[in-house]
Structures are given as C-alpha cells and as structure tokens.
Amino acid sequence: MAEPQIIRTPGGEELVVLTRPDYDALVAAAEAAEWDEDAEDVAIYDARKADLAAGRDHALPPEVSTAMLAGDSLLKAARKWRGLTQSELSEKAGIAQGYLSDLESGRRAGTAETLRALGAALDFPLTIDAPEC
C-alpha cells in the first residue's frame, strides 16, 4: 500500500488521497467484512429458529423484546409485561422484594430454584443458565 496523501481543507477537515488500487483493496476488504458479518447473523438466526422448532427455546412476546432492547433485563421485562409490581411478583414467587430488585438489576444472580419460582409466578419460561435474568 502506497503512503496516502493527506490534504487539509480551509475548514480544517482532513482528506485522504489514495491510489486507485489501494482504494479498490479497501472497498473489497470492507465488502468481505460485511459479507462475513451478514453470514454470522444468518447463522445465529438459523440456530435460533432451529431451537424454537425443536422446543429448546421460546419466542418472546414483542413487548418483552422491546423492553429488553430498551435496556430492561428479561426478568423485569417479563414482570412489566404481566402487569405486576415488584412487590406482587416477589410475593407470588416467595422471595423478598429487595432480592427481586437485585435480580432485575443484575446486582445478584438467582439460584435455579429462585428462577424457577419466578418463571412459574410469571407463567413465563426464564432460562436457568442465562448469565443475566
């Protein structure tokens, strides 16, 4: 790759001048990287669809997915989707409200027993081996 030439505009913006072969090589590399990323996305999508079809996973309601994309944990999103307060859910699951708050915020990780109780209280399948509720 030849040394690029840098030109500064009167406004201070830097422009880079490349040879045509260098430019073509950069474009080809960017397209290859985009193709690899797209292939990875397709593979993830295919694996998720296979898990759903085999019953190894469950589709999330759109409201839960939207809340998770906005930053809520799965547990908090499911609780809100069910229209429950932390107090109501903690009572149904037999745990302290403060503990539920810690689980929702990721400050603490729940035991498998606790996550099963929460899933049953929500009538919602919480993944036991998930790193974050």
Protein backbone atom coordinates (compact mmCIF):
# COMPACT_ATOMS: atom_id res chain seq x y z
CA MET A 1 0.00 0.00 0.00
CA ALA A 2 1.41 3.35 -1.01
CA GLU A 3 1.68 6.17 1.51
CA PRO A 4 -1.58 8.15 1.42
CA GLN A 5 -1.55 11.87 0.89
CA ILE A 6 -3.40 13.99 3.46
CA ILE A 7 -4.90 17.30 2.42
CA ARG A 8 -6.31 19.78 4.93
CA THR A 9 -9.23 21.92 3.80
CA PRO A 10 -9.51 25.61 4.78
CA GLY A 11 -12.09 24.48 7.40
CA GLY A 12 -9.60 22.06 8.98
CA GLU A 13 -11.10 18.85 7.64
CA GLU A 14 -8.53 16.23 6.62
CA LEU A 15 -8.97 14.46 3.30
CA VAL A 16 -7.01 11.36 2.33
CA VAL A 17 -5.88 10.69 -1.23
CA LEU A 18 -5.25 7.04 -2.13
CA THR A 19 -4.09 5.31 -5.25
CA ARG A 20 -6.87 3.55 -7.16
CA PRO A 21 -5.51 0.05 -6.35
CA ASP A 22 -5.36 0.93 -2.62
CA TYR A 23 -8.89 2.30 -2.73
CA ASP A 24 -10.15 -0.83 -4.54
CA ALA A 25 -8.43 -3.04 -1.95
CA LEU A 26 -10.11 -1.14 0.92
CA VAL A 27 -13.52 -1.42 -0.73
CA ALA A 28 -13.05 -5.15 -1.31
CA ALA A 29 -11.97 -5.67 2.32
CA ALA A 30 -14.99 -3.74 3.60
CA GLU A 31 -17.35 -5.76 1.42
CA ALA A 32 -15.78 -9.03 2.60
CA ALA A 33 -16.14 -7.97 6.24
CA GLU A 34 -19.79 -7.02 5.65
CA TRP A 35 -20.41 -10.37 3.98
CA ASP A 36 -18.83 -12.22 6.93
CA GLU A 37 -20.97 -10.26 9.38
CA ASP A 38 -24.11 -10.99 7.38
CA ALA A 39 -23.21 -14.70 7.26
CA GLU A 40 -22.75 -14.73 11.05
CA ASP A 41 -26.13 -13.05 11.52
CA VAL A 42 -27.80 -15.63 9.26
CA ALA A 43 -26.15 -18.47 11.19
CA ILE A 44 -27.38 -17.06 14.52
CA TYR A 45 -30.88 -16.61 13.10
CA ASP A 46 -30.92 -20.17 11.73
CA ALA A 47 -29.74 -21.59 15.06
CA ARG A 48 -32.43 -19.67 16.96
CA LYS A 49 -35.14 -20.84 14.56
CA ALA A 50 -33.95 -24.45 14.96
CA ASP A 51 -34.02 -24.10 18.76
CA LEU A 52 -37.56 -22.74 18.60
CA ALA A 53 -38.72 -25.52 16.27
CA ALA A 54 -37.15 -28.19 18.50
CA GLY A 55 -38.72 -26.75 21.65
CA ARG A 56 -35.34 -25.87 23.20
CA ASP A 57 -36.30 -22.21 23.41
CA HIS A 58 -39.35 -19.96 23.40
CA ALA A 59 -40.28 -16.91 21.38
CA LEU A 60 -40.55 -13.74 23.42
CA PRO A 61 -43.66 -11.60 23.24
CA PRO A 62 -42.95 -8.41 21.26
CA GLU A 63 -43.49 -6.25 24.36
CA VAL A 64 -40.79 -8.18 26.25
CA SER A 65 -38.35 -7.93 23.35
CA THR A 66 -38.99 -4.20 23.03
CA ALA A 67 -38.39 -3.64 26.74
CA MET A 68 -35.17 -5.65 26.58
CA LEU A 69 -33.96 -3.62 23.61
CA ALA A 70 -34.65 -0.51 25.71
CA GLY A 71 -32.37 -1.88 28.44
CA ASP A 72 -34.61 -3.89 30.77
CA SER A 73 -33.49 -7.34 31.92
CA LEU A 74 -35.56 -10.33 30.80
CA LEU A 75 -36.97 -10.66 34.31
CA LYS A 76 -38.02 -7.02 34.56
CA ALA A 77 -39.45 -7.03 31.02
CA ALA A 78 -41.49 -10.17 31.75
CA ARG A 79 -42.76 -8.74 35.05
CA LYS A 80 -43.85 -5.49 33.38
CA TRP A 81 -45.45 -7.44 30.53
CA ARG A 82 -47.51 -9.36 33.08
CA GLY A 83 -48.51 -6.06 34.69
CA LEU A 84 -47.04 -6.90 38.09
CA THR A 85 -45.19 -4.72 40.56
CA GLN A 86 -42.04 -5.98 42.21
CA SER A 87 -43.99 -6.45 45.44
CA GLU A 88 -46.67 -8.51 43.72
CA LEU A 89 -44.18 -10.73 41.91
CA SER A 90 -41.94 -11.22 44.92
CA GLU A 91 -44.97 -12.30 46.97
CA LYS A 92 -46.12 -14.74 44.27
CA ALA A 93 -42.61 -16.21 43.97
CA GLY A 94 -41.97 -16.31 47.71
CA ILE A 95 -38.90 -14.07 47.70
CA ALA A 96 -38.09 -10.67 49.18
CA GLN A 97 -38.84 -7.61 47.05
CA GLY A 98 -35.28 -6.31 47.55
CA TYR A 99 -33.88 -9.60 46.26
CA LEU A 100 -36.12 -9.33 43.19
CA SER A 101 -34.86 -5.79 42.63
CA ASP A 102 -31.27 -7.06 42.79
CA LEU A 103 -32.09 -9.83 40.30
CA GLU A 104 -33.74 -7.42 37.88
CA SER A 105 -30.82 -5.01 38.01
CA GLY A 106 -28.17 -7.72 37.65
CA ARG A 107 -26.62 -6.96 41.05
CA ARG A 108 -27.25 -10.58 42.06
CA ALA A 109 -27.70 -13.83 40.19
CA GLY A 110 -30.64 -16.00 41.15
CA THR A 111 -30.42 -19.65 42.06
CA ALA A 112 -32.04 -22.17 39.74
CA GLU A 113 -34.77 -22.65 42.35
CA THR A 114 -35.46 -18.91 42.55
CA LEU A 115 -35.56 -18.54 38.77
CA ARG A 116 -37.96 -21.49 38.50
CA ALA A 117 -40.22 -19.89 41.14
CA LEU A 118 -40.16 -16.57 39.28
CA GLY A 119 -40.84 -18.28 35.96
CA ALA A 120 -43.80 -20.12 37.49
CA ALA A 121 -45.13 -16.93 39.12
CA LEU A 122 -44.90 -15.14 35.78
CA ASP A 123 -46.08 -18.16 33.76
CA PHE A 124 -43.05 -17.36 31.68
CA PRO A 125 -40.06 -19.60 30.80
CA LEU A 126 -36.95 -17.98 32.30
CA THR A 127 -33.76 -19.62 31.05
CA ILE A 128 -31.96 -21.09 34.05
CA ASP A 129 -28.48 -20.95 32.51
CA ALA A 130 -28.80 -17.35 31.29
CA PRO A 131 -25.98 -15.13 32.61
CA GLU A 132 -28.45 -12.33 33.33
CA CYS A 133 -32.12 -12.52 34.16
